[in-house]
Amino acid sequence: MSIDFSPERWKKIKSDARAWWAGELDRPLIQVSVSGMPPDRPEPALPGQGFTAFYDDSVPAEAIVDRWDYEFCSK
């Protein structure tokens, strides 16, 4: 699945983020997550938690990576 961002758009995002951290941007930055496009594979059994810190230490790293991969592919 391709991401709908050109190298020029990523440059603009990086430039805006640097300016914001330097206090030089005259507007806020927001993070948006959009999903809905189903990946071309079955959903993992591990439920999505948003952050790895939410998973118990008994959860294998491979299962977390598999869940994140699924989430990234569904964007």
PDB file of N, CA and C in Angstrom:
ATOM      1  N   MET A   1       0.848  -1.176   0.000  1.00  0.00           N
ATOM      2  CA  MET A   1       0.000   0.000   0.000  1.00  0.00           C
ATOM      3  C   MET A   1       0.894   1.239   0.000  1.00  0.00           C
ATOM      4  N   SER A   2       0.603   2.174  -0.857  1.00  0.00           N
ATOM      5  CA  SER A   2       1.412   3.386  -0.907  1.00  0.00           C
ATOM      6  C   SER A   2       0.832   4.465  -0.002  1.00  0.00           C
ATOM      7  N   ILE A   3       1.704   5.273   0.546  1.00  0.00           N
ATOM      8  CA  ILE A   3       1.294   6.393   1.381  1.00  0.00           C
ATOM      9  C   ILE A   3       1.132   7.603   0.479  1.00  0.00           C
ATOM     10  N   ASP A   4       0.081   8.361   0.681  1.00  0.00           N
ATOM     11  CA  ASP A   4      -0.244   9.483  -0.193  1.00  0.00           C
ATOM     12  C   ASP A   4       0.501  10.752   0.213  1.00  0.00           C
ATOM     13  N   PHE A   5       1.818  10.659   0.330  1.00  0.00           N
ATOM     14  CA  PHE A   5       2.632  11.829   0.640  1.00  0.00           C
ATOM     15  C   PHE A   5       3.858  11.819  -0.256  1.00  0.00           C
ATOM     16  N   SER A   6       4.048  12.898  -0.955  1.00  0.00           N
ATOM     17  CA  SER A   6       5.213  13.034  -1.814  1.00  0.00           C
ATOM     18  C   SER A   6       6.405  13.496  -0.971  1.00  0.00           C
ATOM     19  N   PRO A   7       7.616  13.356  -1.480  1.00  0.00           N
ATOM     20  CA  PRO A   7       8.786  13.858  -0.750  1.00  0.00           C
ATOM     21  C   PRO A   7       8.672  15.350  -0.432  1.00  0.00           C
ATOM     22  N   GLU A   8       8.060  16.120  -1.314  1.00  0.00           N
ATOM     23  CA  GLU A   8       7.901  17.552  -1.073  1.00  0.00           C
ATOM     24  C   GLU A   8       6.970  17.813   0.114  1.00  0.00           C
ATOM     25  N   ARG A   9       5.903  17.034   0.237  1.00  0.00           N
ATOM     26  CA  ARG A   9       4.974  17.199   1.360  1.00  0.00           C
ATOM     27  C   ARG A   9       5.655  16.838   2.681  1.00  0.00           C
ATOM     28  N   TRP A  10       6.485  15.786   2.677  1.00  0.00           N
ATOM     29  CA  TRP A  10       7.209  15.419   3.895  1.00  0.00           C
ATOM     30  C   TRP A  10       8.189  16.518   4.288  1.00  0.00           C
ATOM     31  N   LYS A  11       8.843  17.152   3.296  1.00  0.00           N
ATOM     32  CA  LYS A  11       9.752  18.267   3.588  1.00  0.00           C
ATOM     33  C   LYS A  11       9.006  19.396   4.289  1.00  0.00           C
ATOM     34  N   LYS A  12       7.795  19.696   3.819  1.00  0.00           N
ATOM     35  CA  LYS A  12       6.980  20.751   4.423  1.00  0.00           C
ATOM     36  C   LYS A  12       6.607  20.385   5.862  1.00  0.00           C
ATOM     37  N   ILE A  13       6.247  19.139   6.086  1.00  0.00           N
ATOM     38  CA  ILE A  13       5.894  18.683   7.436  1.00  0.00           C
ATOM     39  C   ILE A  13       7.101  18.810   8.363  1.00  0.00           C
ATOM     40  N   LYS A  14       8.270  18.369   7.903  1.00  0.00           N
ATOM     41  CA  LYS A  14       9.486  18.472   8.715  1.00  0.00           C
ATOM     42  C   LYS A  14       9.837  19.929   9.006  1.00  0.00           C
ATOM     43  N   SER A  15       9.707  20.767   8.003  1.00  0.00           N
ATOM     44  CA  SER A  15      10.009  22.189   8.176  1.00  0.00           C
ATOM     45  C   SER A  15       9.058  22.827   9.187  1.00  0.00           C
ATOM     46  N   ASP A  16       7.772  22.510   9.067  1.00  0.00           N
ATOM     47  CA  ASP A  16       6.788  23.047  10.013  1.00  0.00           C
ATOM     48  C   ASP A  16       7.060  22.558  11.430  1.00  0.00           C
ATOM     49  N   ALA A  17       7.401  21.293  11.593  1.00  0.00           N
ATOM     50  CA  ALA A  17       7.674  20.742  12.924  1.00  0.00           C
ATOM     51  C   ALA A  17       8.899  21.405  13.544  1.00  0.00           C
ATOM     52  N   ARG A  18       9.937  21.596  12.762  1.00  0.00           N
ATOM     53  CA  ARG A  18      11.142  22.273  13.278  1.00  0.00           C
ATOM     54  C   ARG A  18      10.821  23.701  13.706  1.00  0.00           C
ATOM     55  N   ALA A  19      10.039  24.394  12.882  1.00  0.00           N
ATOM     56  CA  ALA A  19       9.665  25.770  13.212  1.00  0.00           C
ATOM     57  C   ALA A  19       8.808  25.808  14.468  1.00  0.00           C
ATOM     58  N   TRP A  20       7.908  24.846  14.626  1.00  0.00           N
ATOM     59  CA  TRP A  20       7.059  24.811  15.816  1.00  0.00           C
ATOM     60  C   TRP A  20       7.894  24.610  17.074  1.00  0.00           C
ATOM     61  N   TRP A  21       8.824  23.634  17.030  1.00  0.00           N
ATOM     62  CA  TRP A  21       9.678  23.379  18.195  1.00  0.00           C
ATOM     63  C   TRP A  21      10.571  24.570  18.512  1.00  0.00           C
ATOM     64  N   ALA A  22      10.925  25.348  17.506  1.00  0.00           N
ATOM     65  CA  ALA A  22      11.764  26.530  17.719  1.00  0.00           C
ATOM     66  C   ALA A  22      10.925  27.745  18.141  1.00  0.00           C
ATOM     67  N   GLY A  23       9.599  27.573  18.211  1.00  0.00           N
ATOM     68  CA  GLY A  23       8.734  28.688  18.589  1.00  0.00           C
ATOM     69  C   GLY A  23       8.542  29.695  17.477  1.00  0.00           C
ATOM     70  N   GLU A  24       8.766  29.275  16.257  1.00  0.00           N
ATOM     71  CA  GLU A  24       8.710  30.184  15.114  1.00  0.00           C
ATOM     72  C   GLU A  24       7.494  29.966  14.214  1.00  0.00           C
ATOM     73  N   LEU A  25       6.608  29.049  14.589  1.00  0.00           N
ATOM     74  CA  LEU A  25       5.434  28.775  13.763  1.00  0.00           C
ATOM     75  C   LEU A  25       4.244  29.496  14.377  1.00  0.00           C
ATOM     76  N   ASP A  26       3.502  30.208  13.559  1.00  0.00           N
ATOM     77  CA  ASP A  26       2.397  31.019  14.078  1.00  0.00           C
ATOM     78  C   ASP A  26       1.066  30.274  14.125  1.00  0.00           C
ATOM     79  N   ARG A  27       1.136  28.962  14.170  1.00  0.00           N
ATOM     80  CA  ARG A  27      -0.073  28.148  14.246  1.00  0.00           C
ATOM     81  C   ARG A  27       0.246  26.845  14.968  1.00  0.00           C
ATOM     82  N   PRO A  28      -0.764  26.143  15.453  1.00  0.00           N
ATOM     83  CA  PRO A  28      -0.505  24.870  16.130  1.00  0.00           C
ATOM     84  C   PRO A  28      -0.280  23.744  15.124  1.00  0.00           C
ATOM     85  N   LEU A  29       0.345  22.701  15.593  1.00  0.00           N
ATOM     86  CA  LEU A  29       0.456  21.469  14.814  1.00  0.00           C
ATOM     87  C   LEU A  29      -0.491  20.452  15.430  1.00  0.00           C
ATOM     88  N   ILE A  30      -1.136  19.670  14.614  1.00  0.00           N
ATOM     89  CA  ILE A  30      -1.994  18.606  15.121  1.00  0.00           C
ATOM     90  C   ILE A  30      -1.601  17.295  14.459  1.00  0.00           C
ATOM     91  N   GLN A  31      -1.833  16.212  15.160  1.00  0.00           N
ATOM     92  CA  GLN A  31      -1.582  14.884  14.610  1.00  0.00           C
ATOM     93  C   GLN A  31      -2.923  14.238  14.330  1.00  0.00           C
ATOM     94  N   VAL A  32      -3.087  13.710  13.139  1.00  0.00           N
ATOM     95  CA  VAL A  32      -4.333  13.077  12.744  1.00  0.00           C
ATOM     96  C   VAL A  32      -4.029  11.663  12.285  1.00  0.00           C
ATOM     97  N   SER A  33      -4.849  10.739  12.720  1.00  0.00           N
ATOM     98  CA  SER A  33      -4.726   9.352  12.288  1.00  0.00           C
ATOM     99  C   SER A  33      -6.013   8.972  11.580  1.00  0.00           C
ATOM    100  N   VAL A  34      -5.886   8.534  10.347  1.00  0.00           N
ATOM    101  CA  VAL A  34      -7.045   8.165   9.551  1.00  0.00           C
ATOM    102  C   VAL A  34      -6.920   6.692   9.196  1.00  0.00           C
ATOM    103  N   SER A  35      -7.993   5.972   9.363  1.00  0.00           N
ATOM    104  CA  SER A  35      -7.969   4.559   9.006  1.00  0.00           C
ATOM    105  C   SER A  35      -9.219   4.224   8.223  1.00  0.00           C
ATOM    106  N   GLY A  36      -9.321   2.986   7.828  1.00  0.00           N
ATOM    107  CA  GLY A  36     -10.510   2.571   7.117  1.00  0.00           C
ATOM    108  C   GLY A  36     -10.215   1.700   5.919  1.00  0.00           C
ATOM    109  N   MET A  37      -8.999   1.782   5.385  1.00  0.00           N
ATOM    110  CA  MET A  37      -8.661   0.944   4.253  1.00  0.00           C
ATOM    111  C   MET A  37      -8.218  -0.412   4.785  1.00  0.00           C
ATOM    112  N   PRO A  38      -8.955  -1.478   4.494  1.00  0.00           N
ATOM    113  CA  PRO A  38      -8.596  -2.777   5.044  1.00  0.00           C
ATOM    114  C   PRO A  38      -7.288  -3.320   4.447  1.00  0.00           C
ATOM    115  N   PRO A  39      -6.416  -3.847   5.287  1.00  0.00           N
ATOM    116  CA  PRO A  39      -5.182  -4.464   4.791  1.00  0.00           C
ATOM    117  C   PRO A  39      -5.498  -5.747   4.034  1.00  0.00           C
ATOM    118  N   ASP A  40      -4.550  -6.202   3.273  1.00  0.00           N
ATOM    119  CA  ASP A  40      -4.723  -7.426   2.492  1.00  0.00           C
ATOM    120  C   ASP A  40      -4.319  -8.659   3.286  1.00  0.00           C
ATOM    121  N   ARG A  41      -4.688  -8.693   4.570  1.00  0.00           N
ATOM    122  CA  ARG A  41      -4.384  -9.853   5.409  1.00  0.00           C
ATOM    123  C   ARG A  41      -5.328  -9.872   6.595  1.00  0.00           C
ATOM    124  N   PRO A  42      -5.421 -11.034   7.263  1.00  0.00           N
ATOM    125  CA  PRO A  42      -6.328 -11.108   8.416  1.00  0.00           C
ATOM    126  C   PRO A  42      -5.840 -10.274   9.591  1.00  0.00           C
ATOM    127  N   GLU A  43      -6.783  -9.828  10.418  1.00  0.00           N
ATOM    128  CA  GLU A  43      -6.436  -9.041  11.589  1.00  0.00           C
ATOM    129  C   GLU A  43      -5.779  -9.926  12.652  1.00  0.00           C
ATOM    130  N   PRO A  44      -4.702  -9.450  13.288  1.00  0.00           N
ATOM    131  CA  PRO A  44      -4.048 -10.225  14.344  1.00  0.00           C
ATOM    132  C   PRO A  44      -4.969 -10.421  15.547  1.00  0.00           C
ATOM    133  N   ALA A  45      -4.710 -11.457  16.316  1.00  0.00           N
ATOM    134  CA  ALA A  45      -5.507 -11.748  17.506  1.00  0.00           C
ATOM    135  C   ALA A  45      -5.272 -10.720  18.609  1.00  0.00           C
ATOM    136  N   LEU A  46      -4.063 -10.154  18.666  1.00  0.00           N
ATOM    137  CA  LEU A  46      -3.736  -9.169  19.695  1.00  0.00           C
ATOM    138  C   LEU A  46      -4.524  -7.883  19.442  1.00  0.00           C
ATOM    139  N   PRO A  47      -5.297  -7.412  20.426  1.00  0.00           N
ATOM    140  CA  PRO A  47      -6.054  -6.174  20.218  1.00  0.00           C
ATOM    141  C   PRO A  47      -5.140  -4.960  20.132  1.00  0.00           C
ATOM    142  N   GLY A  48      -5.549  -3.984  19.373  1.00  0.00           N
ATOM    143  CA  GLY A  48      -4.785  -2.743  19.263  1.00  0.00           C
ATOM    144  C   GLY A  48      -4.885  -1.926  20.537  1.00  0.00           C
ATOM    145  N   GLN A  49      -3.762  -1.374  20.992  1.00  0.00           N
ATOM    146  CA  GLN A  49      -3.732  -0.561  22.214  1.00  0.00           C
ATOM    147  C   GLN A  49      -3.219   0.848  21.969  1.00  0.00           C
ATOM    148  N   GLY A  50      -2.675   1.102  20.817  1.00  0.00           N
ATOM    149  CA  GLY A  50      -2.166   2.445  20.535  1.00  0.00           C
ATOM    150  C   GLY A  50      -0.700   2.627  20.877  1.00  0.00           C
ATOM    151  N   PHE A  51      -0.271   2.151  22.035  1.00  0.00           N
ATOM    152  CA  PHE A  51       1.122   2.291  22.456  1.00  0.00           C
ATOM    153  C   PHE A  51       1.620   0.964  22.999  1.00  0.00           C
ATOM    154  N   THR A  52       2.880   0.648  22.741  1.00  0.00           N
ATOM    155  CA  THR A  52       3.419  -0.622  23.241  1.00  0.00           C
ATOM    156  C   THR A  52       3.435  -0.662  24.755  1.00  0.00           C
ATOM    157  N   ALA A  53       3.501   0.485  25.416  1.00  0.00           N
ATOM    158  CA  ALA A  53       3.550   0.511  26.879  1.00  0.00           C
ATOM    159  C   ALA A  53       2.276  -0.061  27.498  1.00  0.00           C
ATOM    160  N   PHE A  54       1.201  -0.150  26.739  1.00  0.00           N
ATOM    161  CA  PHE A  54      -0.051  -0.687  27.261  1.00  0.00           C
ATOM    162  C   PHE A  54      -0.063  -2.208  27.296  1.00  0.00           C
ATOM    163  N   TYR A  55       0.880  -2.856  26.626  1.00  0.00           N
ATOM    164  CA  TYR A  55       0.909  -4.307  26.594  1.00  0.00           C
ATOM    165  C   TYR A  55       1.686  -4.852  27.788  1.00  0.00           C
ATOM    166  N   ASP A  56       1.202  -5.943  28.313  1.00  0.00           N
ATOM    167  CA  ASP A  56       1.858  -6.630  29.417  1.00  0.00           C
ATOM    168  C   ASP A  56       3.200  -7.200  28.938  1.00  0.00           C
ATOM    169  N   ASP A  57       4.136  -7.364  29.857  1.00  0.00           N
ATOM    170  CA  ASP A  57       5.454  -7.901  29.506  1.00  0.00           C
ATOM    171  C   ASP A  57       5.384  -9.316  28.955  1.00  0.00           C
ATOM    172  N   SER A  58       4.274 -10.009  29.179  1.00  0.00           N
ATOM    173  CA  SER A  58       4.148 -11.375  28.674  1.00  0.00           C
ATOM    174  C   SER A  58       3.822 -11.424  27.179  1.00  0.00           C
ATOM    175  N   VAL A  59       3.469 -10.285  26.602  1.00  0.00           N
ATOM    176  CA  VAL A  59       3.135 -10.237  25.167  1.00  0.00           C
ATOM    177  C   VAL A  59       4.428 -10.189  24.369  1.00  0.00           C
ATOM    178  N   PRO A  60       4.625 -11.160  23.458  1.00  0.00           N
ATOM    179  CA  PRO A  60       5.860 -11.169  22.657  1.00  0.00           C
ATOM    180  C   PRO A  60       5.966  -9.931  21.762  1.00  0.00           C
ATOM    181  N   ALA A  61       7.174  -9.440  21.607  1.00  0.00           N
ATOM    182  CA  ALA A  61       7.411  -8.268  20.756  1.00  0.00           C
ATOM    183  C   ALA A  61       6.927  -8.513  19.332  1.00  0.00           C
ATOM    184  N   GLU A  62       7.068  -9.732  18.847  1.00  0.00           N
ATOM    185  CA  GLU A  62       6.624 -10.060  17.491  1.00  0.00           C
ATOM    186  C   GLU A  62       5.120  -9.836  17.323  1.00  0.00           C
ATOM    187  N   ALA A  63       4.341 -10.146  18.372  1.00  0.00           N
ATOM    188  CA  ALA A  63       2.896  -9.954  18.305  1.00  0.00           C
ATOM    189  C   ALA A  63       2.551  -8.465  18.261  1.00  0.00           C
ATOM    190  N   ILE A  64       3.308  -7.670  19.007  1.00  0.00           N
ATOM    191  CA  ILE A  64       3.083  -6.218  18.996  1.00  0.00           C
ATOM    192  C   ILE A  64       3.437  -5.642  17.633  1.00  0.00           C
ATOM    193  N   VAL A  65       4.564  -6.067  17.092  1.00  0.00           N
ATOM    194  CA  VAL A  65       4.979  -5.586  15.764  1.00  0.00           C
ATOM    195  C   VAL A  65       3.963  -6.005  14.711  1.00  0.00           C
ATOM    196  N   ASP A  66       3.447  -7.227  14.813  1.00  0.00           N
ATOM    197  CA  ASP A  66       2.437  -7.697  13.861  1.00  0.00           C
ATOM    198  C   ASP A  66       1.184  -6.824  13.943  1.00  0.00           C
ATOM    199  N   ARG A  67       0.753  -6.475  15.162  1.00  0.00           N
ATOM    200  CA  ARG A  67      -0.417  -5.613  15.344  1.00  0.00           C
ATOM    201  C   ARG A  67      -0.166  -4.233  14.759  1.00  0.00           C
ATOM    202  N   TRP A  68       1.016  -3.674  15.053  1.00  0.00           N
ATOM    203  CA  TRP A  68       1.338  -2.343  14.520  1.00  0.00           C
ATOM    204  C   TRP A  68       1.408  -2.372  12.999  1.00  0.00           C
ATOM    205  N   ASP A  69       1.996  -3.421  12.432  1.00  0.00           N
ATOM    206  CA  ASP A  69       2.058  -3.531  10.985  1.00  0.00           C
ATOM    207  C   ASP A  69       0.651  -3.537  10.395  1.00  0.00           C
ATOM    208  N   TYR A  70      -0.231  -4.280  11.019  1.00  0.00           N
ATOM    209  CA  TYR A  70      -1.621  -4.328  10.561  1.00  0.00           C
ATOM    210  C   TYR A  70      -2.250  -2.933  10.626  1.00  0.00           C
ATOM    211  N   GLU A  71      -2.038  -2.245  11.754  1.00  0.00           N
ATOM    212  CA  GLU A  71      -2.597  -0.897  11.907  1.00  0.00           C
ATOM    213  C   GLU A  71      -2.040   0.066  10.861  1.00  0.00           C
ATOM    214  N   PHE A  72      -0.729   0.025  10.635  1.00  0.00           N
ATOM    215  CA  PHE A  72      -0.121   0.919   9.642  1.00  0.00           C
ATOM    216  C   PHE A  72      -0.640   0.622   8.240  1.00  0.00           C
ATOM    217  N   CYS A  73      -0.901  -0.646   7.943  1.00  0.00           N
ATOM    218  CA  CYS A  73      -1.395  -1.018   6.626  1.00  0.00           C
ATOM    219  C   CYS A  73      -2.859  -0.652   6.424  1.00  0.00           C
ATOM    220  N   SER A  74      -3.563  -0.367   7.501  1.00  0.00           N
ATOM    221  CA  SER A  74      -4.989  -0.055   7.365  1.00  0.00           C
ATOM    222  C   SER A  74      -5.246   1.440   7.267  1.00  0.00           C
ATOM    223  N   LYS A  75      -4.220   2.204   7.107  1.00  0.00           N
ATOM    224  CA  LYS A  75      -4.381   3.661   7.051  1.00  0.00           C
ATOM    225  C   LYS A  75      -4.720   4.108   5.656  1.00  0.00           C
TER     226      LYS A  75
END
